Full PDB file with SEQRES, HELIX, SHEET, SSBOND, CRYST1, ORIGX, SCALE, CONECT and MASTER records, all heavy atoms in Angstrom:
SEQRES   1 A   41  GLY GLU ARG GLU PHE GLY TYR HIS ASN ALA GLY GLY TYR          
SEQRES   2 A   41  MET ASN MET MET LEU GLY LEU ALA LEU ALA PHE PRO ALA          
SEQRES   3 A   41  GLU ILE VAL ALA VAL HIS LEU LEU VAL SER GLN TRP SER          
SEQRES   4 A   41  VAL PRO                                                      
HELIX    1 AA1 ALA A   10  GLY A   12  5                                   3    
HELIX    2 AA2 TYR A   13  SER A   36  1                                  24    
CRYST1    1.000    1.000    1.000  90.00  90.00  90.00 P 1           1          
ORIGX1      1.000000  0.000000  0.000000        0.00000                         
ORIGX2      0.000000  1.000000  0.000000        0.00000                         
ORIGX3      0.000000  0.000000  1.000000        0.00000                         
SCALE1      1.000000  0.000000  0.000000        0.00000                         
SCALE2      0.000000  1.000000  0.000000        0.00000                         
SCALE3      0.000000  0.000000  1.000000        0.00000                         
ATOM      1  N   GLY A   1      16.903 -21.381  20.893  1.00  0.00           N  
ATOM      2  CA  GLY A   1      16.080 -22.297  21.522  1.00  0.00           C  
ATOM      3  C   GLY A   1      14.604 -22.045  21.256  1.00  0.00           C  
ATOM      4  O   GLY A   1      13.749 -22.813  21.695  1.00  0.00           O  
ATOM      5  N   GLU A   2      14.232 -20.891  20.545  1.00  0.00           N  
ATOM      6  CA  GLU A   2      12.859 -20.565  20.285  1.00  0.00           C  
ATOM      7  C   GLU A   2      12.487 -21.130  18.884  1.00  0.00           C  
ATOM      8  O   GLU A   2      13.331 -21.096  17.950  1.00  0.00           O  
ATOM      9  CB  GLU A   2      12.648 -19.038  20.333  1.00  0.00           C  
ATOM     10  CG  GLU A   2      12.814 -18.572  21.758  1.00  0.00           C  
ATOM     11  CD  GLU A   2      12.506 -17.049  21.744  1.00  0.00           C  
ATOM     12  OE1 GLU A   2      12.771 -16.361  20.712  1.00  0.00           O  
ATOM     13  OE2 GLU A   2      12.041 -16.563  22.805  1.00  0.00           O  
ATOM     14  N   ARG A   3      11.251 -21.603  18.808  1.00  0.00           N  
ATOM     15  CA  ARG A   3      10.793 -22.074  17.549  1.00  0.00           C  
ATOM     16  C   ARG A   3       9.810 -21.026  16.867  1.00  0.00           C  
ATOM     17  O   ARG A   3       8.952 -20.593  17.485  1.00  0.00           O  
ATOM     18  CB  ARG A   3      10.023 -23.394  17.748  1.00  0.00           C  
ATOM     19  CG  ARG A   3       9.569 -24.083  16.450  1.00  0.00           C  
ATOM     20  CD  ARG A   3       8.897 -25.396  16.765  1.00  0.00           C  
ATOM     21  NE  ARG A   3       8.291 -25.964  15.503  1.00  0.00           N  
ATOM     22  CZ  ARG A   3       7.561 -27.091  15.492  1.00  0.00           C  
ATOM     23  NH1 ARG A   3       7.449 -27.745  16.610  1.00  0.00           N  
ATOM     24  NH2 ARG A   3       7.118 -27.558  14.373  1.00  0.00           N  
ATOM     25  N   GLU A   4      10.191 -20.636  15.687  1.00  0.00           N  
ATOM     26  CA  GLU A   4       9.543 -19.575  15.065  1.00  0.00           C  
ATOM     27  C   GLU A   4       8.308 -20.015  14.192  1.00  0.00           C  
ATOM     28  O   GLU A   4       8.208 -21.006  13.669  1.00  0.00           O  
ATOM     29  CB  GLU A   4      10.467 -18.823  14.064  1.00  0.00           C  
ATOM     30  CG  GLU A   4      11.692 -18.223  14.717  1.00  0.00           C  
ATOM     31  CD  GLU A   4      12.631 -17.696  13.628  1.00  0.00           C  
ATOM     32  OE1 GLU A   4      12.204 -17.277  12.573  1.00  0.00           O  
ATOM     33  OE2 GLU A   4      13.876 -17.510  13.973  1.00  0.00           O  
ATOM     34  N   PHE A   5       7.259 -19.100  14.248  1.00  0.00           N  
ATOM     35  CA  PHE A   5       6.043 -19.371  13.511  1.00  0.00           C  
ATOM     36  C   PHE A   5       5.649 -18.047  12.806  1.00  0.00           C  
ATOM     37  O   PHE A   5       5.273 -16.999  13.525  1.00  0.00           O  
ATOM     38  CB  PHE A   5       4.859 -19.891  14.349  1.00  0.00           C  
ATOM     39  CG  PHE A   5       5.123 -21.249  14.952  1.00  0.00           C  
ATOM     40  CD1 PHE A   5       5.820 -21.473  16.215  1.00  0.00           C  
ATOM     41  CD2 PHE A   5       4.785 -22.358  14.234  1.00  0.00           C  
ATOM     42  CE1 PHE A   5       5.957 -22.659  16.614  1.00  0.00           C  
ATOM     43  CE2 PHE A   5       4.890 -23.620  14.667  1.00  0.00           C  
ATOM     44  CZ  PHE A   5       5.575 -23.794  15.873  1.00  0.00           C  
ATOM     45  N   GLY A   6       5.730 -18.020  11.476  1.00  0.00           N  
ATOM     46  CA  GLY A   6       5.360 -16.766  10.826  1.00  0.00           C  
ATOM     47  C   GLY A   6       3.932 -16.540  10.709  1.00  0.00           C  
ATOM     48  O   GLY A   6       3.062 -17.484  10.894  1.00  0.00           O  
ATOM     49  N   TYR A   7       3.559 -15.297  10.539  1.00  0.00           N  
ATOM     50  CA  TYR A   7       2.112 -14.957  10.469  1.00  0.00           C  
ATOM     51  C   TYR A   7       1.868 -13.913   9.401  1.00  0.00           C  
ATOM     52  O   TYR A   7       0.761 -13.470   9.192  1.00  0.00           O  
ATOM     53  CB  TYR A   7       1.520 -14.540  11.827  1.00  0.00           C  
ATOM     54  CG  TYR A   7       2.284 -13.357  12.419  1.00  0.00           C  
ATOM     55  CD1 TYR A   7       1.889 -12.020  12.191  1.00  0.00           C  
ATOM     56  CD2 TYR A   7       3.366 -13.609  13.274  1.00  0.00           C  
ATOM     57  CE1 TYR A   7       2.629 -10.963  12.764  1.00  0.00           C  
ATOM     58  CE2 TYR A   7       4.093 -12.502  13.905  1.00  0.00           C  
ATOM     59  CZ  TYR A   7       3.675 -11.187  13.556  1.00  0.00           C  
ATOM     60  OH  TYR A   7       4.437 -10.199  14.136  1.00  0.00           O  
ATOM     61  N   HIS A   8       2.891 -13.441   8.740  1.00  0.00           N  
ATOM     62  CA  HIS A   8       2.682 -12.418   7.724  1.00  0.00           C  
ATOM     63  C   HIS A   8       1.968 -12.903   6.495  1.00  0.00           C  
ATOM     64  O   HIS A   8       1.339 -12.033   5.827  1.00  0.00           O  
ATOM     65  CB  HIS A   8       4.104 -11.860   7.339  1.00  0.00           C  
ATOM     66  CG  HIS A   8       5.068 -12.765   6.858  1.00  0.00           C  
ATOM     67  ND1 HIS A   8       5.785 -13.719   7.673  1.00  0.00           N  
ATOM     68  CD2 HIS A   8       5.387 -13.084   5.508  1.00  0.00           C  
ATOM     69  CE1 HIS A   8       6.522 -14.479   6.879  1.00  0.00           C  
ATOM     70  NE2 HIS A   8       6.394 -14.118   5.559  1.00  0.00           N  
ATOM     71  N   ASN A   9       1.922 -14.219   6.227  1.00  0.00           N  
ATOM     72  CA  ASN A   9       1.231 -14.658   5.024  1.00  0.00           C  
ATOM     73  C   ASN A   9      -0.201 -15.083   5.420  1.00  0.00           C  
ATOM     74  O   ASN A   9      -1.064 -15.451   4.605  1.00  0.00           O  
ATOM     75  CB  ASN A   9       1.913 -15.745   4.406  1.00  0.00           C  
ATOM     76  CG  ASN A   9       3.208 -15.285   3.617  1.00  0.00           C  
ATOM     77  OD1 ASN A   9       3.146 -14.244   3.005  1.00  0.00           O  
ATOM     78  ND2 ASN A   9       4.236 -16.068   3.693  1.00  0.00           N  
ATOM     79  N   ALA A  10      -0.485 -15.255   6.754  1.00  0.00           N  
ATOM     80  CA  ALA A  10      -1.803 -15.822   7.182  1.00  0.00           C  
ATOM     81  C   ALA A  10      -2.949 -14.879   6.752  1.00  0.00           C  
ATOM     82  O   ALA A  10      -2.889 -13.717   6.858  1.00  0.00           O  
ATOM     83  CB  ALA A  10      -1.766 -15.966   8.677  1.00  0.00           C  
ATOM     84  N   GLY A  11      -4.009 -15.450   6.297  1.00  0.00           N  
ATOM     85  CA  GLY A  11      -5.240 -14.767   5.891  1.00  0.00           C  
ATOM     86  C   GLY A  11      -5.171 -13.957   4.691  1.00  0.00           C  
ATOM     87  O   GLY A  11      -5.919 -13.041   4.452  1.00  0.00           O  
ATOM     88  N   GLY A  12      -4.079 -14.035   3.900  1.00  0.00           N  
ATOM     89  CA  GLY A  12      -3.909 -13.223   2.753  1.00  0.00           C  
ATOM     90  C   GLY A  12      -3.399 -11.763   3.067  1.00  0.00           C  
ATOM     91  O   GLY A  12      -3.513 -10.931   2.193  1.00  0.00           O  
ATOM     92  N   TYR A  13      -2.854 -11.549   4.263  1.00  0.00           N  
ATOM     93  CA  TYR A  13      -2.417 -10.231   4.506  1.00  0.00           C  
ATOM     94  C   TYR A  13      -1.281  -9.701   3.641  1.00  0.00           C  
ATOM     95  O   TYR A  13      -1.425  -8.532   3.085  1.00  0.00           O  
ATOM     96  CB  TYR A  13      -1.932 -10.222   5.971  1.00  0.00           C  
ATOM     97  CG  TYR A  13      -1.317  -8.843   6.410  1.00  0.00           C  
ATOM     98  CD1 TYR A  13      -2.268  -7.904   6.898  1.00  0.00           C  
ATOM     99  CD2 TYR A  13       0.028  -8.482   6.410  1.00  0.00           C  
ATOM    100  CE1 TYR A  13      -1.761  -6.628   7.294  1.00  0.00           C  
ATOM    101  CE2 TYR A  13       0.386  -7.298   6.761  1.00  0.00           C  
ATOM    102  CZ  TYR A  13      -0.432  -6.402   7.254  1.00  0.00           C  
ATOM    103  OH  TYR A  13       0.026  -5.132   7.588  1.00  0.00           O  
ATOM    104  N   MET A  14      -0.300 -10.512   3.355  1.00  0.00           N  
ATOM    105  CA  MET A  14       0.754 -10.040   2.547  1.00  0.00           C  
ATOM    106  C   MET A  14       0.369  -9.845   1.124  1.00  0.00           C  
ATOM    107  O   MET A  14       0.806  -8.955   0.432  1.00  0.00           O  
ATOM    108  CB  MET A  14       1.943 -11.010   2.562  1.00  0.00           C  
ATOM    109  CG  MET A  14       3.252 -10.505   2.025  1.00  0.00           C  
ATOM    110  SD  MET A  14       3.821  -8.871   2.901  1.00  0.00           S  
ATOM    111  CE  MET A  14       4.109  -9.442   4.529  1.00  0.00           C  
ATOM    112  N   ASN A  15      -0.611 -10.633   0.629  1.00  0.00           N  
ATOM    113  CA  ASN A  15      -1.122 -10.444  -0.687  1.00  0.00           C  
ATOM    114  C   ASN A  15      -1.838  -9.063  -0.862  1.00  0.00           C  
ATOM    115  O   ASN A  15      -1.733  -8.402  -1.867  1.00  0.00           O  
ATOM    116  CB  ASN A  15      -2.049 -11.558  -1.112  1.00  0.00           C  
ATOM    117  CG  ASN A  15      -1.358 -12.945  -1.250  1.00  0.00           C  
ATOM    118  OD1 ASN A  15      -0.217 -12.933  -1.617  1.00  0.00           O  
ATOM    119  ND2 ASN A  15      -2.095 -13.945  -0.998  1.00  0.00           N  
ATOM    120  N   MET A  16      -2.542  -8.747   0.232  1.00  0.00           N  
ATOM    121  CA  MET A  16      -3.206  -7.458   0.198  1.00  0.00           C  
ATOM    122  C   MET A  16      -2.161  -6.344   0.206  1.00  0.00           C  
ATOM    123  O   MET A  16      -2.350  -5.322  -0.535  1.00  0.00           O  
ATOM    124  CB  MET A  16      -4.166  -7.296   1.423  1.00  0.00           C  
ATOM    125  CG  MET A  16      -4.919  -6.004   1.496  1.00  0.00           C  
ATOM    126  SD  MET A  16      -5.497  -5.642   3.134  1.00  0.00           S  
ATOM    127  CE  MET A  16      -3.934  -5.198   3.961  1.00  0.00           C  
ATOM    128  N   MET A  17      -1.093  -6.470   1.008  1.00  0.00           N  
ATOM    129  CA  MET A  17      -0.084  -5.433   1.036  1.00  0.00           C  
ATOM    130  C   MET A  17       0.580  -5.305  -0.336  1.00  0.00           C  
ATOM    131  O   MET A  17       0.952  -4.172  -0.698  1.00  0.00           O  
ATOM    132  CB  MET A  17       0.943  -5.756   2.182  1.00  0.00           C  
ATOM    133  CG  MET A  17       0.388  -5.755   3.572  1.00  0.00           C  
ATOM    134  SD  MET A  17      -0.418  -4.238   3.974  1.00  0.00           S  
ATOM    135  CE  MET A  17       0.970  -3.092   3.771  1.00  0.00           C  
ATOM    136  N   LEU A  18       0.868  -6.447  -1.030  1.00  0.00           N  
ATOM    137  CA  LEU A  18       1.483  -6.285  -2.358  1.00  0.00           C  
ATOM    138  C   LEU A  18       0.621  -5.535  -3.337  1.00  0.00           C  
ATOM    139  O   LEU A  18       1.037  -4.802  -4.149  1.00  0.00           O  
ATOM    140  CB  LEU A  18       1.841  -7.764  -2.848  1.00  0.00           C  
ATOM    141  CG  LEU A  18       2.906  -8.442  -2.044  1.00  0.00           C  
ATOM    142  CD1 LEU A  18       3.068  -9.858  -2.595  1.00  0.00           C  
ATOM    143  CD2 LEU A  18       4.229  -7.666  -2.211  1.00  0.00           C  
ATOM    144  N   GLY A  19      -0.746  -5.895  -3.155  1.00  0.00           N  
ATOM    145  CA  GLY A  19      -1.666  -5.150  -4.083  1.00  0.00           C  
ATOM    146  C   GLY A  19      -1.641  -3.660  -3.806  1.00  0.00           C  
ATOM    147  O   GLY A  19      -1.713  -2.846  -4.691  1.00  0.00           O  
ATOM    148  N   LEU A  20      -1.610  -3.291  -2.468  1.00  0.00           N  
ATOM    149  CA  LEU A  20      -1.535  -1.819  -2.146  1.00  0.00           C  
ATOM    150  C   LEU A  20      -0.345  -1.224  -2.648  1.00  0.00           C  
ATOM    151  O   LEU A  20      -0.191  -0.084  -3.089  1.00  0.00           O  
ATOM    152  CB  LEU A  20      -1.669  -1.668  -0.621  1.00  0.00           C  
ATOM    153  CG  LEU A  20      -3.152  -1.946  -0.025  1.00  0.00           C  
ATOM    154  CD1 LEU A  20      -3.016  -1.861   1.468  1.00  0.00           C  
ATOM    155  CD2 LEU A  20      -4.122  -1.001  -0.644  1.00  0.00           C  
ATOM    156  N   ALA A  21       0.788  -1.951  -2.588  1.00  0.00           N  
ATOM    157  CA  ALA A  21       2.093  -1.460  -3.026  1.00  0.00           C  
ATOM    158  C   ALA A  21       2.059  -1.156  -4.430  1.00  0.00           C  
ATOM    159  O   ALA A  21       2.700  -0.202  -4.940  1.00  0.00           O  
ATOM    160  CB  ALA A  21       3.204  -2.507  -2.637  1.00  0.00           C  
ATOM    161  N   LEU A  22       1.275  -1.939  -5.243  1.00  0.00           N  
ATOM    162  CA  LEU A  22       1.301  -1.744  -6.735  1.00  0.00           C  
ATOM    163  C   LEU A  22       0.309  -0.540  -7.021  1.00  0.00           C  
ATOM    164  O   LEU A  22       0.567   0.249  -7.959  1.00  0.00           O  
ATOM    165  CB  LEU A  22       0.800  -2.995  -7.445  1.00  0.00           C  
ATOM    166  CG  LEU A  22       1.658  -4.174  -7.371  1.00  0.00           C  
ATOM    167  CD1 LEU A  22       1.076  -5.347  -8.010  1.00  0.00           C  
ATOM    168  CD2 LEU A  22       2.973  -3.817  -8.138  1.00  0.00           C  
ATOM    169  N   ALA A  23      -0.695  -0.353  -6.196  1.00  0.00           N  
ATOM    170  CA  ALA A  23      -1.692   0.620  -6.528  1.00  0.00           C  
ATOM    171  C   ALA A  23      -1.302   2.052  -5.849  1.00  0.00           C  
ATOM    172  O   ALA A  23      -1.678   3.030  -6.470  1.00  0.00           O  
ATOM    173  CB  ALA A  23      -3.070   0.195  -5.958  1.00  0.00           C  
ATOM    174  N   PHE A  24      -0.554   2.035  -4.781  1.00  0.00           N  
ATOM    175  CA  PHE A  24      -0.353   3.286  -4.125  1.00  0.00           C  
ATOM    176  C   PHE A  24       0.388   4.360  -4.960  1.00  0.00           C  
ATOM    177  O   PHE A  24      -0.021   5.479  -5.014  1.00  0.00           O  
ATOM    178  CB  PHE A  24       0.558   3.015  -2.778  1.00  0.00           C  
ATOM    179  CG  PHE A  24      -0.243   3.336  -1.566  1.00  0.00           C  
ATOM    180  CD1 PHE A  24      -1.524   2.761  -1.381  1.00  0.00           C  
ATOM    181  CD2 PHE A  24       0.224   4.146  -0.601  1.00  0.00           C  
ATOM    182  CE1 PHE A  24      -2.167   3.025  -0.200  1.00  0.00           C  
ATOM    183  CE2 PHE A  24      -0.453   4.467   0.515  1.00  0.00           C  
ATOM    184  CZ  PHE A  24      -1.728   3.825   0.810  1.00  0.00           C  
ATOM    185  N   PRO A  25       1.471   3.961  -5.741  1.00  0.00           N  
ATOM    186  CA  PRO A  25       2.173   5.079  -6.508  1.00  0.00           C  
ATOM    187  C   PRO A  25       1.231   5.777  -7.449  1.00  0.00           C  
ATOM    188  O   PRO A  25       1.274   6.970  -7.539  1.00  0.00           O  
ATOM    189  CB  PRO A  25       3.306   4.265  -7.185  1.00  0.00           C  
ATOM    190  CG  PRO A  25       3.499   3.085  -6.287  1.00  0.00           C  
ATOM    191  CD  PRO A  25       2.257   2.681  -5.720  1.00  0.00           C  
ATOM    192  N   ALA A  26       0.551   4.988  -8.250  1.00  0.00           N  
ATOM    193  CA  ALA A  26      -0.382   5.547  -9.244  1.00  0.00           C  
ATOM    194  C   ALA A  26      -1.464   6.390  -8.590  1.00  0.00           C  
ATOM    195  O   ALA A  26      -1.810   7.494  -9.011  1.00  0.00           O  
ATOM    196  CB  ALA A  26      -0.987   4.472 -10.106  1.00  0.00           C  
ATOM    197  N   GLU A  27      -1.975   5.847  -7.426  1.00  0.00           N  
ATOM    198  CA  GLU A  27      -3.057   6.653  -6.737  1.00  0.00           C  
ATOM    199  C   GLU A  27      -2.464   7.963  -6.152  1.00  0.00           C  
ATOM    200  O   GLU A  27      -3.178   8.992  -6.249  1.00  0.00           O  
ATOM    201  CB  GLU A  27      -3.585   5.770  -5.666  1.00  0.00           C  
ATOM    202  CG  GLU A  27      -4.692   6.464  -4.897  1.00  0.00           C  
ATOM    203  CD  GLU A  27      -5.257   5.598  -3.712  1.00  0.00           C  
ATOM    204  OE1 GLU A  27      -4.867   4.367  -3.749  1.00  0.00           O  
ATOM    205  OE2 GLU A  27      -6.053   6.080  -2.886  1.00  0.00           O  
ATOM    206  N   ILE A  28      -1.300   7.839  -5.557  1.00  0.00           N  
ATOM    207  CA  ILE A  28      -0.733   9.081  -5.007  1.00  0.00           C  
ATOM    208  C   ILE A  28      -0.522  10.169  -6.060  1.00  0.00           C  
ATOM    209  O   ILE A  28      -0.833  11.409  -5.895  1.00  0.00           O  
ATOM    210  CB  ILE A  28       0.550   8.809  -4.312  1.00  0.00           C  
ATOM    211  CG1 ILE A  28       0.295   7.968  -3.014  1.00  0.00           C  
ATOM    212  CG2 ILE A  28       1.283  10.073  -3.927  1.00  0.00           C  
ATOM    213  CD1 ILE A  28       1.539   7.443  -2.287  1.00  0.00           C  
ATOM    214  N   VAL A  29       0.031   9.771  -7.240  1.00  0.00           N  
ATOM    215  CA  VAL A  29       0.251  10.768  -8.319  1.00  0.00           C  
ATOM    216  C   VAL A  29      -0.973  11.334  -8.842  1.00  0.00           C  
ATOM    217  O   VAL A  29      -1.167  12.556  -9.017  1.00  0.00           O  
ATOM    218  CB  VAL A  29       1.158  10.036  -9.414  1.00  0.00           C  
ATOM    219  CG1 VAL A  29       1.153  10.955 -10.684  1.00  0.00           C  
ATOM    220  CG2 VAL A  29       2.514   9.728  -8.943  1.00  0.00           C  
ATOM    221  N   ALA A  30      -1.989  10.372  -8.980  1.00  0.00           N  
ATOM    222  CA  ALA A  30      -3.292  10.886  -9.575  1.00  0.00           C  
ATOM    223  C   ALA A  30      -3.951  11.850  -8.702  1.00  0.00           C  
ATOM    224  O   ALA A  30      -4.481  12.916  -9.120  1.00  0.00           O  
ATOM    225  CB  ALA A  30      -4.180   9.671  -9.885  1.00  0.00           C  
ATOM    226  N   VAL A  31      -3.998  11.508  -7.391  1.00  0.00           N  
ATOM    227  CA  VAL A  31      -4.692  12.372  -6.373  1.00  0.00           C  
ATOM    228  C   VAL A  31      -3.950  13.769  -6.349  1.00  0.00           C  
ATOM    229  O   VAL A  31      -4.516  14.795  -6.179  1.00  0.00           O  
ATOM    230  CB  VAL A  31      -4.678  11.698  -5.027  1.00  0.00           C  
ATOM    231  CG1 VAL A  31      -5.253  12.683  -3.972  1.00  0.00           C  
ATOM    232  CG2 VAL A  31      -5.707  10.521  -5.052  1.00  0.00           C  
ATOM    233  N   HIS A  32      -2.603  13.720  -6.365  1.00  0.00           N  
ATOM    234  CA  HIS A  32      -1.775  14.942  -6.292  1.00  0.00           C  
ATOM    235  C   HIS A  32      -2.188  15.863  -7.507  1.00  0.00           C  
ATOM    236  O   HIS A  32      -2.345  17.034  -7.312  1.00  0.00           O  
ATOM    237  CB  HIS A  32      -0.341  14.676  -6.260  1.00  0.00           C  
ATOM    238  CG  HIS A  32       0.496  15.829  -6.223  1.00  0.00           C  
ATOM    239  ND1 HIS A  32       0.837  16.490  -5.153  1.00  0.00           N  
ATOM    240  CD2 HIS A  32       1.085  16.561  -7.293  1.00  0.00           C  
ATOM    241  CE1 HIS A  32       1.644  17.575  -5.359  1.00  0.00           C  
ATOM    242  NE2 HIS A  32       1.845  17.640  -6.744  1.00  0.00           N  
ATOM    243  N   LEU A  33      -2.174  15.231  -8.662  1.00  0.00           N  
ATOM    244  CA  LEU A  33      -2.512  16.099  -9.865  1.00  0.00           C  
ATOM    245  C   LEU A  33      -3.936  16.632  -9.860  1.00  0.00           C  
ATOM    246  O   LEU A  33      -4.186  17.780 -10.260  1.00  0.00           O  
ATOM    247  CB  LEU A  33      -2.333  15.237 -11.142  1.00  0.00           C  
ATOM    248  CG  LEU A  33      -0.855  14.791 -11.459  1.00  0.00           C  
ATOM    249  CD1 LEU A  33      -0.789  13.868 -12.613  1.00  0.00           C  
ATOM    250  CD2 LEU A  33       0.029  15.994 -11.686  1.00  0.00           C  
ATOM    251  N   LEU A  34      -4.824  15.864  -9.287  1.00  0.00           N  
ATOM    252  CA  LEU A  34      -6.177  16.283  -9.179  1.00  0.00           C  
ATOM    253  C   LEU A  34      -6.402  17.432  -8.246  1.00  0.00           C  
ATOM    254  O   LEU A  34      -6.967  18.466  -8.509  1.00  0.00           O  
ATOM    255  CB  LEU A  34      -7.070  15.141  -8.882  1.00  0.00           C  
ATOM    256  CG  LEU A  34      -8.637  15.374  -8.725  1.00  0.00           C  
ATOM    257  CD1 LEU A  34      -9.237  15.920 -10.084  1.00  0.00           C  
ATOM    258  CD2 LEU A  34      -9.348  14.187  -8.242  1.00  0.00           C  
ATOM    259  N   VAL A  35      -5.842  17.200  -7.037  1.00  0.00           N  
ATOM    260  CA  VAL A  35      -5.986  18.228  -6.011  1.00  0.00           C  
ATOM    261  C   VAL A  35      -5.235  19.515  -6.267  1.00  0.00           C  
ATOM    262  O   VAL A  35      -5.674  20.579  -5.956  1.00  0.00           O  
ATOM    263  CB  VAL A  35      -5.614  17.623  -4.664  1.00  0.00           C  
ATOM    264  CG1 VAL A  35      -5.747  18.654  -3.514  1.00  0.00           C  
ATOM    265  CG2 VAL A  35      -6.508  16.451  -4.305  1.00  0.00           C  
ATOM    266  N   SER A  36      -4.080  19.348  -7.014  1.00  0.00           N  
ATOM    267  CA  SER A  36      -3.204  20.524  -7.278  1.00  0.00           C  
ATOM    268  C   SER A  36      -3.958  21.545  -8.165  1.00  0.00           C  
ATOM    269  O   SER A  36      -3.602  22.699  -8.248  1.00  0.00           O  
ATOM    270  CB  SER A  36      -1.902  20.106  -7.840  1.00  0.00           C  
ATOM    271  OG  SER A  36      -2.186  19.409  -9.216  1.00  0.00           O  
ATOM    272  N   GLN A  37      -4.933  21.047  -8.890  1.00  0.00           N  
ATOM    273  CA  GLN A  37      -5.728  22.027  -9.734  1.00  0.00           C  
ATOM    274  C   GLN A  37      -6.611  22.917  -8.896  1.00  0.00           C  
ATOM    275  O   GLN A  37      -6.940  24.049  -9.346  1.00  0.00           O  
ATOM    276  CB  GLN A  37      -6.597  21.192 -10.698  1.00  0.00           C  
ATOM    277  CG  GLN A  37      -5.852  20.398 -11.705  1.00  0.00           C  
ATOM    278  CD  GLN A  37      -6.749  19.664 -12.674  1.00  0.00           C  
ATOM    279  OE1 GLN A  37      -7.942  19.737 -12.643  1.00  0.00           O  
ATOM    280  NE2 GLN A  37      -6.159  18.784 -13.512  1.00  0.00           N  
ATOM    281  N   TRP A  38      -6.902  22.476  -7.742  1.00  0.00           N  
ATOM    282  CA  TRP A  38      -7.688  23.313  -6.819  1.00  0.00           C  
ATOM    283  C   TRP A  38      -6.768  24.109  -5.821  1.00  0.00           C  
ATOM    284  O   TRP A  38      -6.955  25.277  -5.538  1.00  0.00           O  
ATOM    285  CB  TRP A  38      -8.633  22.413  -6.024  1.00  0.00           C  
ATOM    286  CG  TRP A  38      -9.310  23.056  -4.876  1.00  0.00           C  
ATOM    287  CD1 TRP A  38     -10.157  24.148  -4.875  1.00  0.00           C  
ATOM    288  CD2 TRP A  38      -9.169  22.691  -3.438  1.00  0.00           C  
ATOM    289  NE1 TRP A  38     -10.564  24.537  -3.626  1.00  0.00           N  
ATOM    290  CE2 TRP A  38      -9.908  23.656  -2.706  1.00  0.00           C  
ATOM    291  CE3 TRP A  38      -8.364  21.771  -2.787  1.00  0.00           C  
ATOM    292  CZ2 TRP A  38      -9.963  23.655  -1.314  1.00  0.00           C  
ATOM    293  CZ3 TRP A  38      -8.443  21.723  -1.423  1.00  0.00           C  
ATOM    294  CH2 TRP A  38      -9.180  22.583  -0.667  1.00  0.00           C  
ATOM    295  N   SER A  39      -5.799  23.402  -5.273  1.00  0.00           N  
ATOM    296  CA  SER A  39      -4.877  24.081  -4.247  1.00  0.00           C  
ATOM    297  C   SER A  39      -3.548  23.236  -4.262  1.00  0.00           C  
ATOM    298  O   SER A  39      -3.572  22.045  -3.883  1.00  0.00           O  
ATOM    299  CB  SER A  39      -5.467  24.061  -2.861  1.00  0.00           C  
ATOM    300  OG  SER A  39      -4.583  24.504  -1.865  1.00  0.00           O  
ATOM    301  N   VAL A  40      -2.464  23.846  -4.524  1.00  0.00           N  
ATOM    302  CA  VAL A  40      -1.102  23.333  -4.487  1.00  0.00           C  
ATOM    303  C   VAL A  40      -0.696  22.965  -3.072  1.00  0.00           C  
ATOM    304  O   VAL A  40      -0.212  21.827  -2.852  1.00  0.00           O  
ATOM    305  CB  VAL A  40      -0.069  24.212  -5.187  1.00  0.00           C  
ATOM    306  CG1 VAL A  40       1.297  23.550  -4.990  1.00  0.00           C  
ATOM    307  CG2 VAL A  40      -0.423  24.346  -6.724  1.00  0.00           C  
ATOM    308  N   PRO A  41      -0.864  23.800  -2.103  1.00  0.00           N  
ATOM    309  CA  PRO A  41      -0.527  23.431  -0.724  1.00  0.00           C  
ATOM    310  C   PRO A  41      -1.265  22.307  -0.221  1.00  0.00           C  
ATOM    311  O   PRO A  41      -0.761  21.438   0.426  1.00  0.00           O  
ATOM    312  CB  PRO A  41      -0.875  24.707   0.169  1.00  0.00           C  
ATOM    313  CG  PRO A  41      -0.785  25.869  -0.924  1.00  0.00           C  
ATOM    314  CD  PRO A  41      -1.222  25.268  -2.191  1.00  0.00           C  
TER     315      PRO A  41                                                      
MASTER        0    0    0    2    0    0    0    6  314    1    0    4          
END                                                                             
């Protein structure tokens, strides 16, 4: 009996999340390699 209204696409939120999803893996690997030269822990 409830009528649903989505909000995950409003304001470009999901587009931003997709962009972060694409950038995060490369950024995590790059930061790890960079910081590991100074301190592995």
